[in-house]
């Protein structure tokens, strides 16, 4: 089956045409992918969003695609921030370990053994 969707053209043509939706994307575009595994993944994604399987994307289907993409971006941003916070926490813990080692060395330098009690 041939699945088509409208896609915005490059930014240079967007202003000249008046409408950003001029180019049609088909499953043949998906076949242009070299890797068979990637091609199958793209086709599965395309078919996932084509709810009525008519080969064309309605406005509601495109809105679903955009909503899913925005949700994925938000999730990715959340995970990135979490990983950066964890890295910062690890650096703070490493710094405190280093500080404890330096402090222990300084305390050991100042300790003297009393010859009478030894």
PDB file of N, CA and C in Angstrom:
ATOM      1  N   UNK A   1       0.831  -1.199   0.000  1.00  0.00           N
ATOM      2  CA  UNK A   1       0.000   0.000   0.000  1.00  0.00           C
ATOM      3  C   UNK A   1       0.864   1.247   0.000  1.00  0.00           C
ATOM      4  N   UNK A   2       0.393   2.249  -0.646  1.00  0.00           N
ATOM      5  CA  UNK A   2       1.125   3.499  -0.749  1.00  0.00           C
ATOM      6  C   UNK A   2       0.594   4.472   0.296  1.00  0.00           C
ATOM      7  N   UNK A   3       1.465   4.888   1.203  1.00  0.00           N
ATOM      8  CA  UNK A   3       1.102   5.825   2.254  1.00  0.00           C
ATOM      9  C   UNK A   3       1.682   7.179   1.907  1.00  0.00           C
ATOM     10  N   UNK A   4       0.860   8.216   1.958  1.00  0.00           N
ATOM     11  CA  UNK A   4       1.353   9.556   1.647  1.00  0.00           C
ATOM     12  C   UNK A   4       1.044  10.495   2.795  1.00  0.00           C
ATOM     13  N   UNK A   5       1.851  11.519   2.914  1.00  0.00           N
ATOM     14  CA  UNK A   5       1.635  12.549   3.921  1.00  0.00           C
ATOM     15  C   UNK A   5       2.225  13.835   3.387  1.00  0.00           C
ATOM     16  N   UNK A   6       1.708  14.943   3.858  1.00  0.00           N
ATOM     17  CA  UNK A   6       2.287  16.210   3.446  1.00  0.00           C
ATOM     18  C   UNK A   6       3.405  16.559   4.397  1.00  0.00           C
ATOM     19  N   UNK A   7       4.410  17.200   3.879  1.00  0.00           N
ATOM     20  CA  UNK A   7       5.595  17.534   4.646  1.00  0.00           C
ATOM     21  C   UNK A   7       6.038  18.932   4.235  1.00  0.00           C
ATOM     22  N   UNK A   8       6.496  19.753   5.179  1.00  0.00           N
ATOM     23  CA  UNK A   8       6.925  21.094   4.784  1.00  0.00           C
ATOM     24  C   UNK A   8       8.189  21.034   3.936  1.00  0.00           C
ATOM     25  N   UNK A   9       8.292  21.888   2.932  1.00  0.00           N
ATOM     26  CA  UNK A   9       9.493  21.932   2.100  1.00  0.00           C
ATOM     27  C   UNK A   9      10.621  22.618   2.859  1.00  0.00           C
ATOM     28  N   UNK A  10      11.801  22.700   2.281  1.00  0.00           N
ATOM     29  CA  UNK A  10      12.876  23.446   2.925  1.00  0.00           C
ATOM     30  C   UNK A  10      12.453  24.895   3.169  1.00  0.00           C
ATOM     31  N   UNK A  11      13.049  25.506   4.162  1.00  0.00           N
ATOM     32  CA  UNK A  11      12.660  26.861   4.558  1.00  0.00           C
ATOM     33  C   UNK A  11      12.768  27.867   3.413  1.00  0.00           C
ATOM     34  N   UNK A  12      13.673  27.672   2.500  1.00  0.00           N
ATOM     35  CA  UNK A  12      13.839  28.643   1.415  1.00  0.00           C
ATOM     36  C   UNK A  12      12.602  28.697   0.525  1.00  0.00           C
ATOM     37  N   UNK A  13      11.924  27.559   0.327  1.00  0.00           N
ATOM     38  CA  UNK A  13      10.739  27.523  -0.525  1.00  0.00           C
ATOM     39  C   UNK A  13       9.453  27.850   0.236  1.00  0.00           C
ATOM     40  N   UNK A  14       9.516  27.819   1.546  1.00  0.00           N
ATOM     41  CA  UNK A  14       8.302  27.974   2.329  1.00  0.00           C
ATOM     42  C   UNK A  14       7.642  29.330   2.089  1.00  0.00           C
ATOM     43  N   UNK A  15       8.397  30.381   2.057  1.00  0.00           N
ATOM     44  CA  UNK A  15       7.826  31.702   1.877  1.00  0.00           C
ATOM     45  C   UNK A  15       7.360  31.930   0.438  1.00  0.00           C
ATOM     46  N   UNK A  16       8.053  31.375  -0.539  1.00  0.00           N
ATOM     47  CA  UNK A  16       7.702  31.594  -1.935  1.00  0.00           C
ATOM     48  C   UNK A  16       6.386  30.917  -2.305  1.00  0.00           C
ATOM     49  N   UNK A  17       6.155  29.722  -1.760  1.00  0.00           N
ATOM     50  CA  UNK A  17       4.968  28.960  -2.128  1.00  0.00           C
ATOM     51  C   UNK A  17       3.699  29.440  -1.435  1.00  0.00           C
ATOM     52  N   UNK A  18       3.843  30.120  -0.325  1.00  0.00           N
ATOM     53  CA  UNK A  18       2.668  30.572   0.409  1.00  0.00           C
ATOM     54  C   UNK A  18       2.184  29.553   1.417  1.00  0.00           C
ATOM     55  N   UNK A  19       2.319  28.285   1.120  1.00  0.00           N
ATOM     56  CA  UNK A  19       1.909  27.226   2.029  1.00  0.00           C
ATOM     57  C   UNK A  19       3.108  26.351   2.346  1.00  0.00           C
ATOM     58  N   UNK A  20       3.288  25.995   3.615  1.00  0.00           N
ATOM     59  CA  UNK A  20       4.437  25.168   3.953  1.00  0.00           C
ATOM     60  C   UNK A  20       4.248  23.695   3.593  1.00  0.00           C
ATOM     61  N   UNK A  21       3.044  23.275   3.164  1.00  0.00           N
ATOM     62  CA  UNK A  21       2.767  21.869   2.895  1.00  0.00           C
ATOM     63  C   UNK A  21       2.588  21.629   1.401  1.00  0.00           C
ATOM     64  N   UNK A  22       3.707  21.399   0.705  1.00  0.00           N
ATOM     65  CA  UNK A  22       3.647  21.174  -0.735  1.00  0.00           C
ATOM     66  C   UNK A  22       4.177  19.804  -1.131  1.00  0.00           C
ATOM     67  N   UNK A  23       5.168  19.316  -0.419  1.00  0.00           N
ATOM     68  CA  UNK A  23       5.825  18.070  -0.804  1.00  0.00           C
ATOM     69  C   UNK A  23       5.078  16.877  -0.229  1.00  0.00           C
ATOM     70  N   UNK A  24       4.937  15.810  -1.013  1.00  0.00           N
ATOM     71  CA  UNK A  24       4.277  14.585  -0.568  1.00  0.00           C
ATOM     72  C   UNK A  24       5.346  13.563  -0.169  1.00  0.00           C
ATOM     73  N   UNK A  25       5.162  12.915   0.956  1.00  0.00           N
ATOM     74  CA  UNK A  25       6.071  11.873   1.413  1.00  0.00           C
ATOM     75  C   UNK A  25       5.365  10.543   1.244  1.00  0.00           C
ATOM     76  N   UNK A  26       6.023   9.594   0.604  1.00  0.00           N
ATOM     77  CA  UNK A  26       5.407   8.296   0.344  1.00  0.00           C
ATOM     78  C   UNK A  26       6.232   7.190   0.978  1.00  0.00           C
ATOM     79  N   UNK A  27       5.694   5.975   0.931  1.00  0.00           N
ATOM     80  CA  UNK A  27       6.457   4.843   1.450  1.00  0.00           C
ATOM     81  C   UNK A  27       7.672   4.562   0.582  1.00  0.00           C
ATOM     82  N   UNK A  28       7.670   5.053  -0.657  1.00  0.00           N
ATOM     83  CA  UNK A  28       8.874   4.910  -1.476  1.00  0.00           C
ATOM     84  C   UNK A  28      10.031   5.692  -0.861  1.00  0.00           C
ATOM     85  N   UNK A  29       9.716   6.805  -0.183  1.00  0.00           N
ATOM     86  CA  UNK A  29      10.761   7.541   0.527  1.00  0.00           C
ATOM     87  C   UNK A  29      11.362   6.669   1.629  1.00  0.00           C
ATOM     88  N   UNK A  30      10.515   5.881   2.261  1.00  0.00           N
ATOM     89  CA  UNK A  30      11.006   4.970   3.292  1.00  0.00           C
ATOM     90  C   UNK A  30      11.886   3.895   2.686  1.00  0.00           C
ATOM     91  N   UNK A  31      11.593   3.476   1.461  1.00  0.00           N
ATOM     92  CA  UNK A  31      12.398   2.446   0.810  1.00  0.00           C
ATOM     93  C   UNK A  31      13.768   2.971   0.394  1.00  0.00           C
ATOM     94  N   UNK A  32      13.933   4.278   0.397  1.00  0.00           N
ATOM     95  CA  UNK A  32      15.228   4.849   0.044  1.00  0.00           C
ATOM     96  C   UNK A  32      16.257   4.625   1.147  1.00  0.00           C
ATOM     97  N   UNK A  33      15.816   4.189   2.314  1.00  0.00           N
ATOM     98  CA  UNK A  33      16.728   3.904   3.413  1.00  0.00           C
ATOM     99  C   UNK A  33      17.515   2.646   3.058  1.00  0.00           C
ATOM    100  N   UNK A  34      18.820   2.671   3.271  1.00  0.00           N
ATOM    101  CA  UNK A  34      19.675   1.568   2.858  1.00  0.00           C
ATOM    102  C   UNK A  34      19.492   0.314   3.711  1.00  0.00           C
ATOM    103  N   UNK A  35      19.334   0.482   4.995  1.00  0.00           N
ATOM    104  CA  UNK A  35      19.284  -0.644   5.914  1.00  0.00           C
ATOM    105  C   UNK A  35      17.873  -1.230   5.950  1.00  0.00           C
ATOM    106  N   UNK A  36      17.732  -2.541   5.716  1.00  0.00           N
ATOM    107  CA  UNK A  36      16.415  -3.182   5.706  1.00  0.00           C
ATOM    108  C   UNK A  36      15.722  -3.068   7.062  1.00  0.00           C
ATOM    109  N   UNK A  37      16.485  -3.228   8.133  1.00  0.00           N
ATOM    110  CA  UNK A  37      15.891  -3.141   9.470  1.00  0.00           C
ATOM    111  C   UNK A  37      15.333  -1.745   9.724  1.00  0.00           C
ATOM    112  N   UNK A  38      16.086  -0.726   9.347  1.00  0.00           N
ATOM    113  CA  UNK A  38      15.610   0.648   9.519  1.00  0.00           C
ATOM    114  C   UNK A  38      14.404   0.925   8.635  1.00  0.00           C
ATOM    115  N   UNK A  39      14.410   0.397   7.425  1.00  0.00           N
ATOM    116  CA  UNK A  39      13.287   0.589   6.513  1.00  0.00           C
ATOM    117  C   UNK A  39      12.015   0.001   7.107  1.00  0.00           C
ATOM    118  N   UNK A  40      12.119  -1.201   7.658  1.00  0.00           N
ATOM    119  CA  UNK A  40      10.947  -1.832   8.272  1.00  0.00           C
ATOM    120  C   UNK A  40      10.469  -1.030   9.474  1.00  0.00           C
ATOM    121  N   UNK A  41      11.395  -0.484  10.242  1.00  0.00           N
ATOM    122  CA  UNK A  41      11.014   0.319  11.401  1.00  0.00           C
ATOM    123  C   UNK A  41      10.269   1.580  10.963  1.00  0.00           C
ATOM    124  N   UNK A  42      10.747   2.224   9.907  1.00  0.00           N
ATOM    125  CA  UNK A  42      10.083   3.429   9.404  1.00  0.00           C
ATOM    126  C   UNK A  42       8.680   3.089   8.897  1.00  0.00           C
ATOM    127  N   UNK A  43       8.566   1.992   8.176  1.00  0.00           N
ATOM    128  CA  UNK A  43       7.250   1.596   7.662  1.00  0.00           C
ATOM    129  C   UNK A  43       6.280   1.275   8.799  1.00  0.00           C
ATOM    130  N   UNK A  44       6.773   0.611   9.855  1.00  0.00           N
ATOM    131  CA  UNK A  44       5.901   0.327  11.014  1.00  0.00           C
ATOM    132  C   UNK A  44       5.427   1.633  11.656  1.00  0.00           C
ATOM    133  N   UNK A  45       6.328   2.585  11.770  1.00  0.00           N
ATOM    134  CA  UNK A  45       5.942   3.870  12.370  1.00  0.00           C
ATOM    135  C   UNK A  45       4.923   4.585  11.493  1.00  0.00           C
ATOM    136  N   UNK A  46       5.165   4.571  10.177  1.00  0.00           N
ATOM    137  CA  UNK A  46       4.213   5.218   9.270  1.00  0.00           C
ATOM    138  C   UNK A  46       2.831   4.579   9.375  1.00  0.00           C
ATOM    139  N   UNK A  47       2.785   3.263   9.426  1.00  0.00           N
ATOM    140  CA  UNK A  47       1.500   2.566   9.498  1.00  0.00           C
ATOM    141  C   UNK A  47       0.832   2.755  10.862  1.00  0.00           C
ATOM    142  N   UNK A  48       1.649   2.937  11.902  1.00  0.00           N
ATOM    143  CA  UNK A  48       1.091   3.148  13.242  1.00  0.00           C
ATOM    144  C   UNK A  48       0.222   4.415  13.279  1.00  0.00           C
ATOM    145  N   UNK A  49       0.666   5.450  12.605  1.00  0.00           N
ATOM    146  CA  UNK A  49      -0.055   6.711  12.644  1.00  0.00           C
ATOM    147  C   UNK A  49      -1.155   6.817  11.598  1.00  0.00           C
ATOM    148  N   UNK A  50      -1.165   5.947  10.621  1.00  0.00           N
ATOM    149  CA  UNK A  50      -2.232   5.936   9.618  1.00  0.00           C
ATOM    150  C   UNK A  50      -3.385   5.114  10.186  1.00  0.00           C
ATOM    151  N   UNK A  51      -4.226   5.753  10.989  1.00  0.00           N
ATOM    152  CA  UNK A  51      -5.253   5.052  11.762  1.00  0.00           C
ATOM    153  C   UNK A  51      -6.303   4.352  10.896  1.00  0.00           C
ATOM    154  N   UNK A  52      -6.727   4.970   9.834  1.00  0.00           N
ATOM    155  CA  UNK A  52      -7.772   4.364   9.006  1.00  0.00           C
ATOM    156  C   UNK A  52      -7.206   3.593   7.813  1.00  0.00           C
ATOM    157  N   UNK A  53      -5.882   3.493   7.714  1.00  0.00           N
ATOM    158  CA  UNK A  53      -5.179   2.728   6.685  1.00  0.00           C
ATOM    159  C   UNK A  53      -5.637   3.057   5.259  1.00  0.00           C
ATOM    160  N   UNK A  54      -5.871   4.351   5.023  1.00  0.00           N
ATOM    161  CA  UNK A  54      -6.261   4.766   3.673  1.00  0.00           C
ATOM    162  C   UNK A  54      -5.061   5.224   2.853  1.00  0.00           C
ATOM    163  N   UNK A  55      -3.878   5.229   3.472  1.00  0.00           N
ATOM    164  CA  UNK A  55      -2.679   5.630   2.746  1.00  0.00           C
ATOM    165  C   UNK A  55      -2.396   7.113   2.800  1.00  0.00           C
ATOM    166  N   UNK A  56      -3.234   7.886   3.479  1.00  0.00           N
ATOM    167  CA  UNK A  56      -3.040   9.333   3.601  1.00  0.00           C
ATOM    168  C   UNK A  56      -3.198   9.709   5.062  1.00  0.00           C
ATOM    169  N   UNK A  57      -2.521  10.790   5.441  1.00  0.00           N
ATOM    170  CA  UNK A  57      -2.601  11.264   6.822  1.00  0.00           C
ATOM    171  C   UNK A  57      -3.584  12.428   6.911  1.00  0.00           C
ATOM    172  N   UNK A  58      -4.537  12.278   7.812  1.00  0.00           N
ATOM    173  CA  UNK A  58      -5.476  13.370   8.050  1.00  0.00           C
ATOM    174  C   UNK A  58      -4.839  14.371   9.008  1.00  0.00           C
ATOM    175  N   UNK A  59      -5.522  15.490   9.219  1.00  0.00           N
ATOM    176  CA  UNK A  59      -5.012  16.506  10.144  1.00  0.00           C
ATOM    177  C   UNK A  59      -4.915  15.921  11.549  1.00  0.00           C
ATOM    178  N   UNK A  60      -5.894  15.126  11.947  1.00  0.00           N
ATOM    179  CA  UNK A  60      -5.870  14.517  13.275  1.00  0.00           C
ATOM    180  C   UNK A  60      -4.686  13.561  13.421  1.00  0.00           C
ATOM    181  N   UNK A  61      -4.386  12.813  12.362  1.00  0.00           N
ATOM    182  CA  UNK A  61      -3.254  11.889  12.418  1.00  0.00           C
ATOM    183  C   UNK A  61      -1.929  12.639  12.509  1.00  0.00           C
ATOM    184  N   UNK A  62      -1.811  13.751  11.795  1.00  0.00           N
ATOM    185  CA  UNK A  62      -0.598  14.561  11.867  1.00  0.00           C
ATOM    186  C   UNK A  62      -0.469  15.195  13.250  1.00  0.00           C
ATOM    187  N   UNK A  63      -1.589  15.621  13.826  1.00  0.00           N
ATOM    188  CA  UNK A  63      -1.554  16.172  15.184  1.00  0.00           C
ATOM    189  C   UNK A  63      -1.079  15.120  16.174  1.00  0.00           C
ATOM    190  N   UNK A  64      -1.486  13.868  15.976  1.00  0.00           N
ATOM    191  CA  UNK A  64      -1.039  12.778  16.844  1.00  0.00           C
ATOM    192  C   UNK A  64       0.469  12.582  16.721  1.00  0.00           C
ATOM    193  N   UNK A  65       0.974  12.638  15.488  1.00  0.00           N
ATOM    194  CA  UNK A  65       2.418  12.499  15.270  1.00  0.00           C
ATOM    195  C   UNK A  65       3.165  13.616  15.984  1.00  0.00           C
ATOM    196  N   UNK A  66       2.705  14.842  15.826  1.00  0.00           N
ATOM    197  CA  UNK A  66       3.368  15.994  16.450  1.00  0.00           C
ATOM    198  C   UNK A  66       3.306  15.891  17.967  1.00  0.00           C
ATOM    199  N   UNK A  67       2.161  15.495  18.505  1.00  0.00           N
ATOM    200  CA  UNK A  67       2.029  15.352  19.959  1.00  0.00           C
ATOM    201  C   UNK A  67       2.993  14.295  20.489  1.00  0.00           C
ATOM    202  N   UNK A  68       3.121  13.179  19.779  1.00  0.00           N
ATOM    203  CA  UNK A  68       4.054  12.134  20.197  1.00  0.00           C
ATOM    204  C   UNK A  68       5.500  12.613  20.118  1.00  0.00           C
ATOM    205  N   UNK A  69       5.822  13.376  19.087  1.00  0.00           N
ATOM    206  CA  UNK A  69       7.183  13.899  18.962  1.00  0.00           C
ATOM    207  C   UNK A  69       7.501  14.884  20.086  1.00  0.00           C
ATOM    208  N   UNK A  70       6.548  15.741  20.430  1.00  0.00           N
ATOM    209  CA  UNK A  70       6.769  16.687  21.520  1.00  0.00           C
ATOM    210  C   UNK A  70       6.905  15.973  22.855  1.00  0.00           C
ATOM    211  N   UNK A  71       6.110  14.920  23.064  1.00  0.00           N
ATOM    212  CA  UNK A  71       6.215  14.146  24.297  1.00  0.00           C
ATOM    213  C   UNK A  71       7.570  13.449  24.380  1.00  0.00           C
ATOM    214  N   UNK A  72       8.049  12.929  23.255  1.00  0.00           N
ATOM    215  CA  UNK A  72       9.357  12.271  23.238  1.00  0.00           C
ATOM    216  C   UNK A  72      10.466  13.281  23.519  1.00  0.00           C
ATOM    217  N   UNK A  73      10.348  14.474  22.974  1.00  0.00           N
ATOM    218  CA  UNK A  73      11.347  15.514  23.226  1.00  0.00           C
ATOM    219  C   UNK A  73      11.355  15.899  24.700  1.00  0.00           C
ATOM    220  N   UNK A  74      10.170  16.015  25.296  1.00  0.00           N
ATOM    221  CA  UNK A  74      10.083  16.376  26.706  1.00  0.00           C
ATOM    222  C   UNK A  74      10.696  15.275  27.576  1.00  0.00           C
ATOM    223  N   UNK A  75      10.433  14.025  27.232  1.00  0.00           N
ATOM    224  CA  UNK A  75      11.001  12.905  27.974  1.00  0.00           C
ATOM    225  C   UNK A  75      12.517  12.894  27.849  1.00  0.00           C
ATOM    226  N   UNK A  76      13.017  13.107  26.631  1.00  0.00           N
ATOM    227  CA  UNK A  76      14.462  13.139  26.412  1.00  0.00           C
ATOM    228  C   UNK A  76      15.102  14.258  27.220  1.00  0.00           C
ATOM    229  N   UNK A  77      14.468  15.430  27.249  1.00  0.00           N
ATOM    230  CA  UNK A  77      14.996  16.550  28.018  1.00  0.00           C
ATOM    231  C   UNK A  77      15.013  16.221  29.505  1.00  0.00           C
ATOM    232  N   UNK A  78      13.966  15.576  29.992  1.00  0.00           N
ATOM    233  CA  UNK A  78      13.898  15.203  31.406  1.00  0.00           C
ATOM    234  C   UNK A  78      15.020  14.228  31.754  1.00  0.00           C
ATOM    235  N   UNK A  79      15.236  13.219  30.913  1.00  0.00           N
ATOM    236  CA  UNK A  79      16.302  12.256  31.169  1.00  0.00           C
ATOM    237  C   UNK A  79      17.673  12.912  31.095  1.00  0.00           C
ATOM    238  N   UNK A  80      17.859  13.855  30.179  1.00  0.00           N
ATOM    239  CA  UNK A  80      19.137  14.552  30.077  1.00  0.00           C
ATOM    240  C   UNK A  80      19.405  15.347  31.352  1.00  0.00           C
ATOM    241  N   UNK A  81      18.400  16.061  31.836  1.00  0.00           N
ATOM    242  CA  UNK A  81      18.568  16.840  33.069  1.00  0.00           C
ATOM    243  C   UNK A  81      18.856  15.933  34.257  1.00  0.00           C
ATOM    244  N   UNK A  82      18.176  14.799  34.313  1.00  0.00           N
ATOM    245  CA  UNK A  82      18.408  13.851  35.393  1.00  0.00           C
ATOM    246  C   UNK A  82      19.839  13.317  35.344  1.00  0.00           C
ATOM    247  N   UNK A  83      20.319  12.978  34.161  1.00  0.00           N
ATOM    248  CA  UNK A  83      21.691  12.471  34.052  1.00  0.00           C
ATOM    249  C   UNK A  83      22.709  13.545  34.418  1.00  0.00           C
ATOM    250  N   UNK A  84      22.463  14.786  34.050  1.00  0.00           N
ATOM    251  CA  UNK A  84      23.376  15.867  34.429  1.00  0.00           C
ATOM    252  C   UNK A  84      23.368  16.083  35.943  1.00  0.00           C
ATOM    253  N   UNK A  85      22.200  15.985  36.575  1.00  0.00           N
ATOM    254  CA  UNK A  85      22.121  16.124  38.034  1.00  0.00           C
ATOM    255  C   UNK A  85      22.870  14.983  38.722  1.00  0.00           C
ATOM    256  N   UNK A  86      22.751  13.772  38.192  1.00  0.00           N
ATOM    257  CA  UNK A  86      23.480  12.644  38.769  1.00  0.00           C
ATOM    258  C   UNK A  86      24.985  12.817  38.601  1.00  0.00           C
ATOM    259  N   UNK A  87      25.417  13.300  37.454  1.00  0.00           N
ATOM    260  CA  UNK A  87      26.851  13.557  37.251  1.00  0.00           C
ATOM    261  C   UNK A  87      27.353  14.618  38.222  1.00  0.00           C
ATOM    262  N   UNK A  88      26.581  15.654  38.428  1.00  0.00           N
ATOM    263  CA  UNK A  88      26.964  16.689  39.384  1.00  0.00           C
ATOM    264  C   UNK A  88      27.036  16.112  40.790  1.00  0.00           C
ATOM    265  N   UNK A  89      26.083  15.259  41.159  1.00  0.00           N
ATOM    266  CA  UNK A  89      26.108  14.611  42.472  1.00  0.00           C
ATOM    267  C   UNK A  89      27.338  13.745  42.646  1.00  0.00           C
ATOM    268  N   UNK A  90      27.725  13.025  41.606  1.00  0.00           N
ATOM    269  CA  UNK A  90      28.931  12.194  41.680  1.00  0.00           C
ATOM    270  C   UNK A  90      30.164  13.066  41.867  1.00  0.00           C
ATOM    271  N   UNK A  91      30.224  14.197  41.162  1.00  0.00           N
ATOM    272  CA  UNK A  91      31.365  15.105  41.323  1.00  0.00           C
ATOM    273  C   UNK A  91      31.433  15.678  42.732  1.00  0.00           C
ATOM    274  N   UNK A  92      30.290  16.006  43.303  1.00  0.00           N
ATOM    275  CA  UNK A  92      30.263  16.514  44.678  1.00  0.00           C
ATOM    276  C   UNK A  92      30.750  15.437  45.640  1.00  0.00           C
ATOM    277  N   UNK A  93      30.307  14.194  45.460  1.00  0.00           N
ATOM    278  CA  UNK A  93      30.753  13.107  46.333  1.00  0.00           C
ATOM    279  C   UNK A  93      32.250  12.844  46.180  1.00  0.00           C
ATOM    280  N   UNK A  94      32.759  12.875  44.955  1.00  0.00           N
ATOM    281  CA  UNK A  94      34.199  12.701  44.752  1.00  0.00           C
ATOM    282  C   UNK A  94      34.991  13.824  45.415  1.00  0.00           C
ATOM    283  N   UNK A  95      34.483  15.044  45.318  1.00  0.00           N
ATOM    284  CA  UNK A  95      35.135  16.180  45.968  1.00  0.00           C
ATOM    285  C   UNK A  95      35.144  16.035  47.476  1.00  0.00           C
ATOM    286  N   UNK A  96      34.049  15.547  48.037  1.00  0.00           N
ATOM    287  CA  UNK A  96      34.010  15.368  49.496  1.00  0.00           C
ATOM    288  C   UNK A  96      34.952  14.249  49.936  1.00  0.00           C
ATOM    289  N   UNK A  97      35.085  13.194  49.128  1.00  0.00           N
ATOM    290  CA  UNK A  97      36.045  12.137  49.457  1.00  0.00           C
ATOM    291  C   UNK A  97      37.479  12.669  49.417  1.00  0.00           C
ATOM    292  N   UNK A  98      37.785  13.472  48.415  1.00  0.00           N
ATOM    293  CA  UNK A  98      39.114  14.056  48.310  1.00  0.00           C
ATOM    294  C   UNK A  98      39.381  14.977  49.509  1.00  0.00           C
ATOM    295  N   UNK A  99      38.394  15.790  49.847  1.00  0.00           N
ATOM    296  CA  UNK A  99      38.546  16.696  50.985  1.00  0.00           C
ATOM    297  C   UNK A  99      38.753  15.937  52.284  1.00  0.00           C
ATOM    298  N   UNK A 100      38.045  14.830  52.459  1.00  0.00           N
ATOM    299  CA  UNK A 100      38.210  14.012  53.664  1.00  0.00           C
ATOM    300  C   UNK A 100      39.610  13.418  53.723  1.00  0.00           C
ATOM    301  N   UNK A 101      40.118  12.967  52.580  1.00  0.00           N
ATOM    302  CA  UNK A 101      41.475  12.400  52.547  1.00  0.00           C
ATOM    303  C   UNK A 101      42.516  13.458  52.883  1.00  0.00           C
ATOM    304  N   UNK A 102      42.377  14.648  52.334  1.00  0.00           N
ATOM    305  CA  UNK A 102      43.324  15.726  52.622  1.00  0.00           C
ATOM    306  C   UNK A 102      43.246  16.111  54.089  1.00  0.00           C
ATOM    307  N   UNK A 103      42.046  16.219  54.625  1.00  0.00           N
ATOM    308  CA  UNK A 103      41.876  16.571  56.039  1.00  0.00           C
ATOM    309  C   UNK A 103      42.471  15.499  56.945  1.00  0.00           C
ATOM    310  N   UNK A 104      42.298  14.236  56.612  1.00  0.00           N
ATOM    311  CA  UNK A 104      42.874  13.153  57.411  1.00  0.00           C
ATOM    312  C   UNK A 104      44.395  13.235  57.392  1.00  0.00           C
ATOM    313  N   UNK A 105      44.971  13.572  56.248  1.00  0.00           N
ATOM    314  CA  UNK A 105      46.420  13.729  56.159  1.00  0.00           C
ATOM    315  C   UNK A 105      46.912  14.873  57.019  1.00  0.00           C
ATOM    316  N   UNK A 106      46.201  15.962  57.035  1.00  0.00           N
ATOM    317  CA  UNK A 106      46.581  17.117  57.858  1.00  0.00           C
ATOM    318  C   UNK A 106      46.468  16.796  59.348  1.00  0.00           C
ATOM    319  N   UNK A 107      45.439  16.086  59.728  1.00  0.00           N
ATOM    320  CA  UNK A 107      45.263  15.718  61.133  1.00  0.00           C
ATOM    321  C   UNK A 107      46.370  14.764  61.556  1.00  0.00           C
ATOM    322  N   UNK A 108      46.755  13.845  60.682  1.00  0.00           N
ATOM    323  CA  UNK A 108      47.810  12.882  61.009  1.00  0.00           C
ATOM    324  C   UNK A 108      49.156  13.570  61.173  1.00  0.00           C
ATOM    325  N   UNK A 109      49.413  14.657  60.450  1.00  0.00           N
ATOM    326  CA  UNK A 109      50.672  15.384  60.579  1.00  0.00           C
ATOM    327  C   UNK A 109      50.807  16.029  61.951  1.00  0.00           C
ATOM    328  N   UNK A 110      49.730  16.467  62.512  1.00  0.00           N
ATOM    329  CA  UNK A 110      49.774  17.203  63.765  1.00  0.00           C
ATOM    330  C   UNK A 110      49.747  16.299  64.982  1.00  0.00           C
ATOM    331  N   UNK A 111      49.536  15.044  64.837  1.00  0.00           N
ATOM    332  CA  UNK A 111      49.498  14.135  65.972  1.00  0.00           C
ATOM    333  C   UNK A 111      50.925  13.781  66.381  1.00  0.00           C
ATOM    334  N   UNK A 112      51.214  13.820  67.674  1.00  0.00           N
ATOM    335  CA  UNK A 112      52.523  13.475  68.229  1.00  0.00           C
ATOM    336  C   UNK A 112      52.349  12.351  69.241  1.00  0.00           C
ATOM    337  N   UNK A 113      53.297  11.478  69.271  1.00  0.00           N
ATOM    338  CA  UNK A 113      53.268  10.374  70.226  1.00  0.00           C
ATOM    339  C   UNK A 113      54.030  10.806  71.463  1.00  0.00           C
ATOM    340  N   UNK A 114      53.400  10.669  72.597  1.00  0.00           N
ATOM    341  CA  UNK A 114      54.043  11.029  73.872  1.00  0.00           C
ATOM    342  C   UNK A 114      55.046   9.914  74.223  1.00  0.00           C
ATOM    343  N   UNK A 115      56.336  10.232  74.376  1.00  0.00           N
ATOM    344  CA  UNK A 115      57.331   9.197  74.642  1.00  0.00           C
ATOM    345  C   UNK A 115      57.135   8.480  75.989  1.00  0.00           C
ATOM    346  N   UNK A 116      56.516   9.131  76.940  1.00  0.00           N
ATOM    347  CA  UNK A 116      56.344   8.518  78.258  1.00  0.00           C
ATOM    348  C   UNK A 116      55.237   7.455  78.237  1.00  0.00           C
ATOM    349  N   UNK A 117      54.223   7.658  77.430  1.00  0.00           N
ATOM    350  CA  UNK A 117      53.114   6.694  77.394  1.00  0.00           C
ATOM    351  C   UNK A 117      53.341   5.616  76.342  1.00  0.00           C
ATOM    352  N   UNK A 118      54.309   5.809  75.482  1.00  0.00           N
ATOM    353  CA  UNK A 118      54.534   4.841  74.407  1.00  0.00           C
ATOM    354  C   UNK A 118      55.301   3.645  74.841  1.00  0.00           C
TER     355      UNK A 118
END
